[in-house]
Amino acid sequence: MTRITDPECWLDQMFAAKAAQTGGVLRRSRAWIDREVGFDRFELEVRRRGFHMIESADQILVVCHNDPIRILF
């Protein structure tokens, strides 16, 4: 598959989502991230914002705040 949007535009749209703006959680498939911006670029952006990133199976979860998190089980 080929990239659908400009990578910077995709990142801007992703982090402009209401969930990102209010400290919520974003979920995207790893394949979609790889296709749109590349995982390394995405990881840099998540780190730059001070957010947390969790990988589960083929899904990437971004917790859009920098408070501590705890995995319960």
Protein backbone atom coordinates (compact mmCIF):
# COMPACT_ATOMS: atom_id res chain seq x y z
CA MET A 1 0.00 0.00 0.00
CA THR A 2 1.07 3.55 -0.58
CA ARG A 3 0.91 6.60 1.63
CA ILE A 4 -2.44 8.40 1.50
CA THR A 5 -1.55 11.76 3.05
CA ASP A 6 1.51 13.89 3.71
CA PRO A 7 3.24 12.47 6.83
CA GLU A 8 3.31 15.80 8.67
CA CYS A 9 -0.35 16.42 7.87
CA TRP A 10 -1.22 12.92 9.13
CA LEU A 11 0.63 13.56 12.42
CA ASP A 12 -1.06 16.96 12.81
CA GLN A 13 -4.48 15.37 12.28
CA MET A 14 -3.71 12.50 14.65
CA PHE A 15 -2.67 14.73 17.53
CA ALA A 16 -5.41 17.29 16.86
CA ALA A 17 -8.03 14.64 17.67
CA LYS A 18 -10.21 15.39 20.69
CA ALA A 19 -8.79 12.40 22.57
CA ALA A 20 -5.24 13.70 22.12
CA GLN A 21 -6.23 17.20 23.22
CA THR A 22 -8.04 16.03 26.36
CA GLY A 23 -5.56 13.45 27.67
CA GLY A 24 -7.32 10.45 26.19
CA VAL A 25 -6.10 7.42 24.27
CA LEU A 26 -5.45 7.07 20.54
CA ARG A 27 -5.40 3.64 18.87
CA ARG A 28 -4.00 2.86 15.44
CA SER A 29 -2.75 -0.27 13.74
CA ARG A 30 1.00 -0.65 13.45
CA ALA A 31 0.62 -1.27 9.68
CA TRP A 32 -1.24 2.02 9.23
CA ILE A 33 1.41 3.95 11.15
CA ASP A 34 4.18 2.26 9.14
CA ARG A 35 2.44 3.16 5.89
CA GLU A 36 1.56 6.76 6.72
CA VAL A 37 4.62 8.09 8.56
CA GLY A 38 6.89 5.20 9.53
CA PHE A 39 7.10 3.85 13.05
CA ASP A 40 10.37 5.62 13.93
CA ARG A 41 8.94 9.04 13.00
CA PHE A 42 5.75 8.29 14.95
CA GLU A 43 7.71 7.20 18.01
CA LEU A 44 9.75 10.44 17.92
CA GLU A 45 6.55 12.50 17.83
CA VAL A 46 5.01 10.60 20.75
CA ARG A 47 8.22 11.05 22.77
CA ARG A 48 8.46 14.74 21.82
CA ARG A 49 5.00 15.29 23.27
CA GLY A 50 5.85 13.38 26.46
CA PHE A 51 3.08 10.82 25.87
CA HIS A 52 3.16 7.06 26.54
CA MET A 53 3.01 4.40 23.83
CA ILE A 54 1.91 0.79 24.30
CA GLU A 55 1.98 -1.97 21.69
CA SER A 56 -0.52 -4.83 21.91
CA ALA A 57 -0.63 -7.34 19.07
CA ASP A 58 -0.88 -5.18 15.93
CA GLN A 59 -2.31 -2.13 17.73
CA ILE A 60 -0.48 0.91 19.03
CA LEU A 61 -2.06 2.80 21.93
CA VAL A 62 -0.94 6.32 22.74
CA VAL A 63 -1.86 7.64 26.16
CA CYS A 64 -1.98 11.38 25.55
CA HIS A 65 -0.68 12.75 28.83
CA ASN A 66 2.59 12.56 30.69
CA ASP A 67 1.27 11.44 34.08
CA PRO A 68 2.47 8.04 35.33
CA ILE A 69 0.56 5.02 34.07
CA ARG A 70 0.19 1.59 35.65
CA ILE A 71 -0.58 -1.65 33.84
CA LEU A 72 -2.91 -3.56 36.16
CA PHE A 73 -2.79 -7.01 34.54
